[in-house]
Amino acid sequence: MAAVMMIATSLLLIGIGIGIGIGSVNAGEAWEEANVIHVGGKVLCQDCTKGWNDWVNGSNPIKGSRVSVTCMDDRRRVIYYGSDETDEAGEYALNVNKYVNGKEVKATGCWVRLVSSSDSSCNIPTDFAGGRSGVKLRRPTWLYRDQTKYTIHPFYYTTPLCDEPNQEETQSNY
């Protein structure tokens, strides 16, 4: 019985030692992480020339697309602008400092939108999930202590063949 207790105690101490050594963050890193708003998502190419199932589920990621975030203060002045390129999986990650030039950046004053596509055959921005007009950050998808993360629904580009003309412009010409 004593041997079992010694083994159990040893395993417990080893587990505690591993837990302390792995994944620990020093105070400086924790402070920097707490002062950053993280925004992430994907950019995909949606081809309307394919069948319905491929059109809805067969979107391809676009590497090298640019996505931006613009944050405004209470008087609607831009206090932060940043952008990021997507990786091979079409994913982007934007980090916004919560304090810029002594002013607090509020996530609810930030908009994320498509800027450009690196794919010449799929370069027409769509408003599926608000990519062309922009998406306002509303509710964080992950909130832990002082860390805030927003995950945006995928933004889409489409081919020039799939581009729909603006109905308002067409009707005003008659």
N, C-alpha and C. Protein backbone atom coordinates (compact mmCIF):
# COMPACT_ATOMS: atom_id res chain seq x y z
N MET A 1 0.82 -1.18 0.00
CA MET A 1 0.00 0.00 0.00
C MET A 1 0.87 1.26 0.00
N ALA A 2 1.94 1.24 0.78
CA ALA A 2 2.84 2.38 0.84
C ALA A 2 3.51 2.62 -0.51
N ALA A 3 3.83 1.53 -1.22
CA ALA A 3 4.46 1.66 -2.54
C ALA A 3 3.50 2.32 -3.52
N VAL A 4 2.25 1.97 -3.47
CA VAL A 4 1.24 2.57 -4.36
C VAL A 4 1.11 4.06 -4.06
N MET A 5 1.11 4.44 -2.79
CA MET A 5 1.01 5.84 -2.41
C MET A 5 2.23 6.62 -2.88
N MET A 6 3.41 6.03 -2.78
CA MET A 6 4.63 6.70 -3.23
C MET A 6 4.62 6.91 -4.74
N ILE A 7 4.15 5.90 -5.48
CA ILE A 7 4.07 6.02 -6.94
C ILE A 7 3.05 7.09 -7.32
N ALA A 8 1.91 7.09 -6.66
CA ALA A 8 0.87 8.09 -6.94
C ALA A 8 1.38 9.49 -6.65
N THR A 9 2.06 9.68 -5.52
CA THR A 9 2.61 10.98 -5.16
C THR A 9 3.67 11.42 -6.16
N SER A 10 4.52 10.49 -6.59
CA SER A 10 5.55 10.82 -7.58
C SER A 10 4.92 11.25 -8.89
N LEU A 11 3.92 10.52 -9.35
CA LEU A 11 3.24 10.87 -10.60
C LEU A 11 2.57 12.24 -10.49
N LEU A 12 1.97 12.52 -9.36
CA LEU A 12 1.33 13.82 -9.13
C LEU A 12 2.35 14.94 -9.19
N LEU A 13 3.49 14.78 -8.53
CA LEU A 13 4.53 15.80 -8.54
C LEU A 13 5.12 15.99 -9.93
N ILE A 14 5.30 14.91 -10.66
CA ILE A 14 5.81 15.00 -12.04
C ILE A 14 4.81 15.76 -12.90
N GLY A 15 3.54 15.44 -12.75
CA GLY A 15 2.49 16.13 -13.51
C GLY A 15 2.45 17.61 -13.22
N ILE A 16 2.59 17.97 -11.94
CA ILE A 16 2.60 19.39 -11.57
C ILE A 16 3.82 20.08 -12.16
N GLY A 17 4.98 19.41 -12.11
CA GLY A 17 6.21 19.99 -12.67
C GLY A 17 6.09 20.21 -14.17
N ILE A 18 5.50 19.26 -14.87
CA ILE A 18 5.32 19.41 -16.33
C ILE A 18 4.34 20.53 -16.61
N GLY A 19 3.26 20.58 -15.82
CA GLY A 19 2.24 21.63 -16.03
C GLY A 19 2.81 23.02 -15.82
N ILE A 20 3.71 23.16 -14.88
CA ILE A 20 4.31 24.48 -14.63
C ILE A 20 5.27 24.85 -15.75
N GLY A 21 6.01 23.89 -16.26
CA GLY A 21 7.03 24.18 -17.27
C GLY A 21 6.47 24.38 -18.66
N ILE A 22 5.38 23.74 -19.00
CA ILE A 22 4.84 23.81 -20.36
C ILE A 22 3.66 24.77 -20.36
N GLY A 23 3.66 25.65 -21.32
CA GLY A 23 2.53 26.55 -21.49
C GLY A 23 2.52 27.72 -20.53
N SER A 24 3.56 27.92 -19.80
CA SER A 24 3.58 29.06 -18.90
C SER A 24 3.92 30.31 -19.70
N VAL A 25 3.39 31.43 -19.27
CA VAL A 25 3.59 32.70 -19.96
C VAL A 25 4.13 33.68 -18.94
N ASN A 26 5.16 34.42 -19.33
CA ASN A 26 5.67 35.41 -18.38
C ASN A 26 4.74 36.63 -18.35
N ALA A 27 4.90 37.47 -17.38
CA ALA A 27 3.99 38.59 -17.16
C ALA A 27 4.00 39.57 -18.34
N GLY A 28 5.16 39.80 -18.96
CA GLY A 28 5.25 40.72 -20.10
C GLY A 28 4.45 40.24 -21.29
N GLU A 29 4.56 38.93 -21.59
CA GLU A 29 3.79 38.37 -22.70
C GLU A 29 2.30 38.44 -22.42
N ALA A 30 1.91 38.16 -21.20
CA ALA A 30 0.49 38.20 -20.83
C ALA A 30 -0.06 39.61 -20.98
N TRP A 31 0.72 40.63 -20.59
CA TRP A 31 0.27 42.01 -20.71
C TRP A 31 0.10 42.40 -22.16
N GLU A 32 1.08 42.03 -23.02
CA GLU A 32 0.98 42.34 -24.44
C GLU A 32 -0.24 41.66 -25.06
N GLU A 33 -0.47 40.42 -24.71
CA GLU A 33 -1.60 39.66 -25.24
C GLU A 33 -2.92 40.29 -24.81
N ALA A 34 -2.98 40.83 -23.60
CA ALA A 34 -4.21 41.44 -23.10
C ALA A 34 -4.52 42.75 -23.80
N ASN A 35 -3.55 43.38 -24.41
CA ASN A 35 -3.75 44.67 -25.06
C ASN A 35 -3.91 44.54 -26.57
N VAL A 36 -4.32 43.37 -27.05
CA VAL A 36 -4.45 43.13 -28.48
C VAL A 36 -5.82 42.54 -28.78
N ILE A 37 -6.45 43.02 -29.84
CA ILE A 37 -7.69 42.45 -30.35
C ILE A 37 -7.29 41.58 -31.55
N HIS A 38 -7.63 40.32 -31.50
CA HIS A 38 -7.29 39.38 -32.59
C HIS A 38 -8.50 39.21 -33.50
N VAL A 39 -8.26 39.31 -34.82
CA VAL A 39 -9.32 39.13 -35.81
C VAL A 39 -8.81 38.13 -36.84
N GLY A 40 -9.61 37.12 -37.15
CA GLY A 40 -9.20 36.12 -38.12
C GLY A 40 -10.36 35.61 -38.94
N GLY A 41 -10.04 34.98 -40.04
CA GLY A 41 -11.05 34.41 -40.93
C GLY A 41 -10.42 33.82 -42.16
N LYS A 42 -11.24 33.59 -43.19
CA LYS A 42 -10.78 32.99 -44.45
C LYS A 42 -11.27 33.79 -45.63
N VAL A 43 -10.56 33.67 -46.76
CA VAL A 43 -10.99 34.24 -48.02
C VAL A 43 -11.02 33.10 -49.03
N LEU A 44 -12.17 32.96 -49.70
CA LEU A 44 -12.38 31.85 -50.63
C LEU A 44 -12.86 32.35 -51.98
N CYS A 45 -12.66 31.50 -53.00
CA CYS A 45 -13.16 31.78 -54.35
C CYS A 45 -14.40 30.93 -54.58
N GLN A 46 -15.48 31.59 -54.96
CA GLN A 46 -16.74 30.90 -55.21
C GLN A 46 -17.06 31.03 -56.69
N ASP A 47 -17.13 29.90 -57.39
CA ASP A 47 -17.35 29.88 -58.83
C ASP A 47 -18.80 29.50 -59.14
N CYS A 48 -19.56 30.43 -59.71
CA CYS A 48 -20.98 30.19 -59.98
C CYS A 48 -21.20 29.30 -61.21
N THR A 49 -20.17 29.02 -61.98
CA THR A 49 -20.36 28.20 -63.18
C THR A 49 -20.47 26.73 -62.84
N LYS A 50 -20.20 26.36 -61.61
CA LYS A 50 -20.29 24.96 -61.19
C LYS A 50 -21.70 24.66 -60.70
N GLY A 51 -21.99 23.40 -60.47
CA GLY A 51 -23.28 23.00 -59.95
C GLY A 51 -23.51 23.54 -58.56
N TRP A 52 -24.76 23.48 -58.09
CA TRP A 52 -25.12 24.06 -56.81
C TRP A 52 -24.25 23.53 -55.67
N ASN A 53 -24.08 22.23 -55.57
CA ASN A 53 -23.32 21.65 -54.47
C ASN A 53 -21.86 22.11 -54.49
N ASP A 54 -21.25 22.13 -55.68
CA ASP A 54 -19.86 22.60 -55.78
C ASP A 54 -19.78 24.10 -55.50
N TRP A 55 -20.80 24.84 -55.90
CA TRP A 55 -20.79 26.28 -55.69
C TRP A 55 -20.87 26.59 -54.20
N VAL A 56 -21.70 25.87 -53.48
CA VAL A 56 -21.87 26.13 -52.05
C VAL A 56 -20.73 25.55 -51.22
N ASN A 57 -20.33 24.31 -51.52
CA ASN A 57 -19.36 23.61 -50.67
C ASN A 57 -17.96 23.52 -51.25
N GLY A 58 -17.77 23.86 -52.51
CA GLY A 58 -16.48 23.65 -53.15
C GLY A 58 -15.64 24.88 -53.33
N SER A 59 -15.76 25.83 -52.43
CA SER A 59 -14.98 27.06 -52.53
C SER A 59 -13.51 26.78 -52.27
N ASN A 60 -12.65 27.42 -53.04
CA ASN A 60 -11.21 27.24 -52.91
C ASN A 60 -10.58 28.42 -52.18
N PRO A 61 -9.63 28.16 -51.29
CA PRO A 61 -8.94 29.27 -50.61
C PRO A 61 -8.08 30.06 -51.59
N ILE A 62 -7.95 31.35 -51.35
CA ILE A 62 -7.12 32.22 -52.19
C ILE A 62 -5.92 32.66 -51.38
N LYS A 63 -4.74 32.24 -51.82
CA LYS A 63 -3.50 32.65 -51.16
C LYS A 63 -3.11 34.05 -51.66
N GLY A 64 -2.71 34.92 -50.75
CA GLY A 64 -2.23 36.25 -51.14
C GLY A 64 -3.31 37.31 -51.24
N SER A 65 -4.53 37.00 -50.85
CA SER A 65 -5.59 38.02 -50.79
C SER A 65 -5.29 38.98 -49.66
N ARG A 66 -5.77 40.19 -49.79
CA ARG A 66 -5.54 41.16 -48.73
C ARG A 66 -6.88 41.51 -48.08
N VAL A 67 -6.86 41.50 -46.73
CA VAL A 67 -8.02 41.85 -45.91
C VAL A 67 -7.57 42.96 -44.97
N SER A 68 -8.46 43.94 -44.73
CA SER A 68 -8.07 45.06 -43.87
C SER A 68 -9.02 45.23 -42.70
N VAL A 69 -8.53 45.91 -41.69
CA VAL A 69 -9.35 46.31 -40.55
C VAL A 69 -9.16 47.81 -40.37
N THR A 70 -10.27 48.53 -40.22
CA THR A 70 -10.26 49.97 -40.00
C THR A 70 -11.03 50.24 -38.71
N CYS A 71 -10.41 50.94 -37.78
CA CYS A 71 -11.05 51.25 -36.51
C CYS A 71 -11.20 52.76 -36.37
N MET A 72 -12.38 53.17 -35.88
CA MET A 72 -12.67 54.58 -35.72
C MET A 72 -12.96 54.90 -34.26
N ASP A 73 -12.72 56.15 -33.90
CA ASP A 73 -13.02 56.58 -32.54
C ASP A 73 -14.49 57.01 -32.45
N ASP A 74 -14.88 57.57 -31.32
CA ASP A 74 -16.27 57.98 -31.11
C ASP A 74 -16.71 59.11 -32.03
N ARG A 75 -15.75 59.87 -32.56
CA ARG A 75 -16.08 60.98 -33.47
C ARG A 75 -15.96 60.57 -34.94
N ARG A 76 -15.89 59.25 -35.19
CA ARG A 76 -15.84 58.65 -36.53
C ARG A 76 -14.56 59.02 -37.30
N ARG A 77 -13.45 59.19 -36.57
CA ARG A 77 -12.15 59.42 -37.19
C ARG A 77 -11.37 58.12 -37.15
N VAL A 78 -10.64 57.84 -38.22
CA VAL A 78 -9.83 56.62 -38.28
C VAL A 78 -8.67 56.75 -37.31
N ILE A 79 -8.59 55.79 -36.39
CA ILE A 79 -7.46 55.81 -35.45
C ILE A 79 -6.55 54.60 -35.67
N TYR A 80 -7.02 53.62 -36.46
CA TYR A 80 -6.18 52.47 -36.76
C TYR A 80 -6.58 51.88 -38.11
N TYR A 81 -5.57 51.53 -38.91
CA TYR A 81 -5.79 50.80 -40.15
C TYR A 81 -4.68 49.76 -40.26
N GLY A 82 -5.05 48.54 -40.58
CA GLY A 82 -4.07 47.47 -40.77
C GLY A 82 -4.60 46.47 -41.77
N SER A 83 -3.70 45.71 -42.36
CA SER A 83 -4.13 44.69 -43.32
C SER A 83 -3.21 43.47 -43.22
N ASP A 84 -3.67 42.37 -43.79
CA ASP A 84 -2.91 41.13 -43.77
C ASP A 84 -3.19 40.35 -45.04
N GLU A 85 -2.20 39.58 -45.48
CA GLU A 85 -2.37 38.69 -46.63
C GLU A 85 -2.73 37.31 -46.14
N THR A 86 -3.54 36.62 -46.94
CA THR A 86 -3.93 35.26 -46.57
C THR A 86 -2.80 34.27 -46.88
N ASP A 87 -2.80 33.17 -46.14
CA ASP A 87 -1.80 32.12 -46.36
C ASP A 87 -2.34 31.09 -47.35
N GLU A 88 -1.66 29.94 -47.45
CA GLU A 88 -2.06 28.89 -48.40
C GLU A 88 -3.47 28.38 -48.16
N ALA A 89 -3.92 28.42 -46.92
CA ALA A 89 -5.27 27.95 -46.57
C ALA A 89 -6.31 29.06 -46.72
N GLY A 90 -5.89 30.23 -47.17
CA GLY A 90 -6.81 31.35 -47.33
C GLY A 90 -7.12 32.06 -46.02
N GLU A 91 -6.33 31.82 -44.99
CA GLU A 91 -6.61 32.38 -43.67
C GLU A 91 -5.78 33.64 -43.43
N TYR A 92 -6.37 34.58 -42.71
CA TYR A 92 -5.68 35.81 -42.32
C TYR A 92 -5.79 35.98 -40.80
N ALA A 93 -4.87 36.74 -40.24
CA ALA A 93 -4.87 37.02 -38.81
C ALA A 93 -4.43 38.47 -38.62
N LEU A 94 -5.35 39.29 -38.15
CA LEU A 94 -5.06 40.70 -37.89
C LEU A 94 -4.99 40.93 -36.39
N ASN A 95 -4.00 41.67 -35.97
CA ASN A 95 -3.84 42.02 -34.56
C ASN A 95 -3.92 43.53 -34.42
N VAL A 96 -4.86 43.99 -33.60
CA VAL A 96 -5.08 45.42 -33.38
C VAL A 96 -4.72 45.74 -31.94
N ASN A 97 -3.80 46.67 -31.75
CA ASN A 97 -3.47 47.11 -30.40
C ASN A 97 -4.67 47.86 -29.81
N LYS A 98 -4.98 47.59 -28.55
CA LYS A 98 -6.13 48.23 -27.91
C LYS A 98 -5.88 49.70 -27.60
N TYR A 99 -4.61 50.11 -27.62
CA TYR A 99 -4.28 51.51 -27.36
C TYR A 99 -3.35 52.00 -28.46
N VAL A 100 -3.77 53.08 -29.16
CA VAL A 100 -2.98 53.68 -30.23
C VAL A 100 -2.85 55.17 -29.92
N ASN A 101 -1.63 55.63 -29.78
CA ASN A 101 -1.35 57.04 -29.46
C ASN A 101 -2.13 57.52 -28.24
N GLY A 102 -2.24 56.66 -27.24
CA GLY A 102 -2.92 57.03 -26.00
C GLY A 102 -4.44 56.90 -26.06
N LYS A 103 -4.99 56.55 -27.22
CA LYS A 103 -6.45 56.41 -27.34
C LYS A 103 -6.81 54.93 -27.32
N GLU A 104 -7.94 54.64 -26.68
CA GLU A 104 -8.42 53.26 -26.63
C GLU A 104 -9.14 52.92 -27.93
N VAL A 105 -8.76 51.80 -28.52
CA VAL A 105 -9.43 51.30 -29.71
C VAL A 105 -10.52 50.34 -29.24
N LYS A 106 -11.76 50.67 -29.55
CA LYS A 106 -12.88 49.83 -29.17
C LYS A 106 -13.20 48.91 -30.35
N ALA A 107 -13.30 47.63 -30.08
CA ALA A 107 -13.57 46.66 -31.15
C ALA A 107 -14.87 46.96 -31.87
N THR A 108 -15.85 47.52 -31.18
CA THR A 108 -17.13 47.81 -31.83
C THR A 108 -17.02 48.94 -32.85
N GLY A 109 -15.91 49.66 -32.86
CA GLY A 109 -15.67 50.70 -33.85
C GLY A 109 -14.81 50.23 -35.01
N CYS A 110 -14.59 48.91 -35.12
CA CYS A 110 -13.72 48.36 -36.17
C CYS A 110 -14.54 47.64 -37.25
N TRP A 111 -14.07 47.78 -38.49
CA TRP A 111 -14.68 47.12 -39.64
C TRP A 111 -13.62 46.29 -40.35
N VAL A 112 -13.99 45.10 -40.80
CA VAL A 112 -13.10 44.22 -41.54
C VAL A 112 -13.69 44.05 -42.94
N ARG A 113 -12.84 44.14 -43.98
CA ARG A 113 -13.36 44.01 -45.34
C ARG A 113 -12.28 43.50 -46.28
N LEU A 114 -12.74 43.06 -47.45
CA LEU A 114 -11.83 42.62 -48.51
C LEU A 114 -11.15 43.83 -49.13
N VAL A 115 -9.89 43.67 -49.52
CA VAL A 115 -9.16 44.74 -50.20
C VAL A 115 -8.81 44.31 -51.62
N SER A 116 -8.13 43.16 -51.77
CA SER A 116 -7.72 42.72 -53.10
C SER A 116 -7.54 41.21 -53.13
N SER A 117 -7.61 40.68 -54.34
CA SER A 117 -7.40 39.25 -54.56
C SER A 117 -6.15 39.06 -55.41
N SER A 118 -5.39 38.05 -55.09
CA SER A 118 -4.19 37.75 -55.87
C SER A 118 -4.50 36.84 -57.05
N ASP A 119 -5.72 36.31 -57.09
CA ASP A 119 -6.13 35.39 -58.16
C ASP A 119 -6.81 36.19 -59.27
N SER A 120 -6.15 36.30 -60.42
CA SER A 120 -6.70 37.12 -61.51
C SER A 120 -7.98 36.54 -62.09
N SER A 121 -8.23 35.25 -61.92
CA SER A 121 -9.46 34.66 -62.45
C SER A 121 -10.60 34.70 -61.42
N CYS A 122 -10.31 35.08 -60.19
CA CYS A 122 -11.32 35.14 -59.14
C CYS A 122 -11.06 36.40 -58.31
N ASN A 123 -11.45 37.56 -58.86
CA ASN A 123 -11.07 38.82 -58.23
C ASN A 123 -12.21 39.82 -58.07
N ILE A 124 -13.45 39.35 -58.18
CA ILE A 124 -14.61 40.22 -57.97
C ILE A 124 -15.11 40.01 -56.54
N PRO A 125 -15.00 41.02 -55.67
CA PRO A 125 -15.44 40.83 -54.28
C PRO A 125 -16.97 40.70 -54.22
N THR A 126 -17.44 39.80 -53.39
CA THR A 126 -18.87 39.63 -53.18
C THR A 126 -19.25 40.16 -51.81
N ASP A 127 -20.54 40.27 -51.57
CA ASP A 127 -20.99 40.69 -50.26
C ASP A 127 -21.53 39.52 -49.45
N PHE A 128 -21.18 38.27 -49.87
CA PHE A 128 -21.50 37.12 -49.02
C PHE A 128 -20.72 37.32 -47.73
N ALA A 129 -21.39 37.33 -46.63
CA ALA A 129 -20.79 37.55 -45.31
C ALA A 129 -20.21 38.95 -45.16
N GLY A 130 -20.55 39.87 -46.07
CA GLY A 130 -20.16 41.26 -45.92
C GLY A 130 -18.76 41.63 -46.34
N GLY A 131 -18.10 40.82 -47.14
CA GLY A 131 -16.72 41.07 -47.52
C GLY A 131 -16.50 42.35 -48.29
N ARG A 132 -17.39 42.68 -49.23
CA ARG A 132 -17.21 43.88 -50.05
C ARG A 132 -17.54 45.15 -49.26
N SER A 133 -18.63 45.16 -48.53
CA SER A 133 -19.05 46.37 -47.81
C SER A 133 -18.39 46.48 -46.43
N GLY A 134 -17.98 45.36 -45.85
CA GLY A 134 -17.33 45.37 -44.56
C GLY A 134 -18.21 44.81 -43.46
N VAL A 135 -17.56 44.22 -42.46
CA VAL A 135 -18.25 43.62 -41.32
C VAL A 135 -17.78 44.33 -40.06
N LYS A 136 -18.74 44.78 -39.28
CA LYS A 136 -18.43 45.44 -38.01
C LYS A 136 -18.21 44.37 -36.95
N LEU A 137 -17.16 44.54 -36.15
CA LEU A 137 -16.92 43.61 -35.05
C LEU A 137 -17.98 43.85 -33.98
N ARG A 138 -18.72 42.80 -33.66
CA ARG A 138 -19.81 42.94 -32.69
C ARG A 138 -19.57 42.11 -31.44
N ARG A 139 -19.58 40.81 -31.59
CA ARG A 139 -19.42 39.91 -30.45
C ARG A 139 -18.17 39.07 -30.64
N PRO A 140 -17.31 39.02 -29.64
CA PRO A 140 -16.12 38.18 -29.77
C PRO A 140 -16.52 36.70 -29.79
N THR A 141 -15.77 35.92 -30.56
CA THR A 141 -16.02 34.48 -30.60
C THR A 141 -15.25 33.77 -29.51
N TRP A 142 -14.25 34.45 -28.96
CA TRP A 142 -13.46 33.87 -27.88
C TRP A 142 -13.04 34.99 -26.95
N LEU A 143 -13.37 34.83 -25.68
CA LEU A 143 -13.04 35.83 -24.68
C LEU A 143 -12.55 35.10 -23.45
N TYR A 144 -11.29 35.36 -23.09
CA TYR A 144 -10.72 34.72 -21.92
C TYR A 144 -9.87 35.74 -21.18
N ARG A 145 -10.25 36.05 -19.98
CA ARG A 145 -9.62 37.09 -19.18
C ARG A 145 -9.58 38.37 -19.99
N ASP A 146 -8.41 38.88 -20.33
CA ASP A 146 -8.33 40.11 -21.12
C ASP A 146 -8.07 39.86 -22.60
N GLN A 147 -8.10 38.63 -23.04
CA GLN A 147 -7.84 38.30 -24.44
C GLN A 147 -9.16 38.27 -25.21
N THR A 148 -9.18 38.92 -26.37
CA THR A 148 -10.38 39.01 -27.17
C THR A 148 -10.06 38.55 -28.59
N LYS A 149 -10.87 37.62 -29.11
CA LYS A 149 -10.68 37.14 -30.48
C LYS A 149 -12.01 37.17 -31.22
N TYR A 150 -11.94 37.62 -32.46
CA TYR A 150 -13.11 37.65 -33.34
C TYR A 150 -12.81 36.76 -34.55
N THR A 151 -13.70 35.84 -34.84
CA THR A 151 -13.57 35.02 -36.04
C THR A 151 -14.68 35.42 -36.98
N ILE A 152 -14.29 35.90 -38.15
CA ILE A 152 -15.24 36.39 -39.14
C ILE A 152 -15.63 35.23 -40.06
N HIS A 153 -16.90 35.21 -40.47
CA HIS A 153 -17.32 34.21 -41.46
C HIS A 153 -16.52 34.40 -42.73
N PRO A 154 -16.34 33.34 -43.54
CA PRO A 154 -15.52 33.47 -44.75
C PRO A 154 -16.01 34.57 -45.69
N PHE A 155 -15.03 35.30 -46.24
CA PHE A 155 -15.29 36.28 -47.30
C PHE A 155 -15.08 35.58 -48.64
N TYR A 156 -15.79 36.05 -49.68
CA TYR A 156 -15.72 35.39 -50.98
C TYR A 156 -15.42 36.38 -52.09
N TYR A 157 -14.60 35.91 -53.02
CA TYR A 157 -14.45 36.53 -54.32
C TYR A 157 -15.12 35.60 -55.32
N THR A 158 -15.45 36.13 -56.49
CA THR A 158 -16.02 35.30 -57.53
C THR A 158 -15.38 35.66 -58.86
N THR A 159 -15.70 34.91 -59.90
CA THR A 159 -15.12 35.13 -61.23
C THR A 159 -15.87 36.27 -61.92
N PRO A 160 -15.24 36.95 -62.89
CA PRO A 160 -15.93 38.02 -63.61
C PRO A 160 -17.22 37.54 -64.30
N LEU A 161 -17.24 36.28 -64.71
CA LEU A 161 -18.43 35.73 -65.35
C LEU A 161 -19.63 35.72 -64.40
N CYS A 162 -19.38 35.59 -63.11
CA CYS A 162 -20.45 35.49 -62.11
C CYS A 162 -20.87 36.84 -61.55
N ASP A 163 -20.17 37.90 -61.92
CA ASP A 163 -20.47 39.21 -61.38
C ASP A 163 -21.83 39.68 -61.86
N GLU A 164 -22.69 40.08 -60.90
CA GLU A 164 -24.00 40.59 -61.25
C GLU A 164 -23.92 42.10 -61.36
N PRO A 165 -24.55 42.68 -62.41
CA PRO A 165 -24.52 44.14 -62.53
C PRO A 165 -25.34 44.78 -61.41
N ASN A 166 -24.95 45.98 -61.05
CA ASN A 166 -25.67 46.73 -60.02
C ASN A 166 -27.02 47.15 -60.58
N GLN A 167 -28.11 46.71 -59.98
CA GLN A 167 -29.46 46.98 -60.48
C GLN A 167 -29.81 48.46 -60.42
N GLU A 168 -29.31 49.18 -59.42
CA GLU A 168 -29.61 50.60 -59.28
C GLU A 168 -29.04 51.39 -60.45
N GLU A 169 -27.81 51.07 -60.86
CA GLU A 169 -27.19 51.78 -61.99
C GLU A 169 -27.95 51.49 -63.27
N THR A 170 -28.35 50.24 -63.49
CA THR A 170 -29.05 49.85 -64.70
C THR A 170 -30.38 50.55 -64.79
N GLN A 171 -31.13 50.63 -63.70
CA GLN A 171 -32.44 51.26 -63.72
C GLN A 171 -32.36 52.78 -63.89
N SER A 172 -31.32 53.41 -63.40
CA SER A 172 -31.22 54.86 -63.51
C SER A 172 -30.85 55.31 -64.92
N ASN A 173 -30.36 54.39 -65.75
CA ASN A 173 -30.00 54.75 -67.12
C ASN A 173 -31.21 54.82 -68.05
N TYR A 174 -32.35 54.39 -67.60
CA TYR A 174 -33.55 54.38 -68.48
C TYR A 174 -34.44 55.55 -68.22
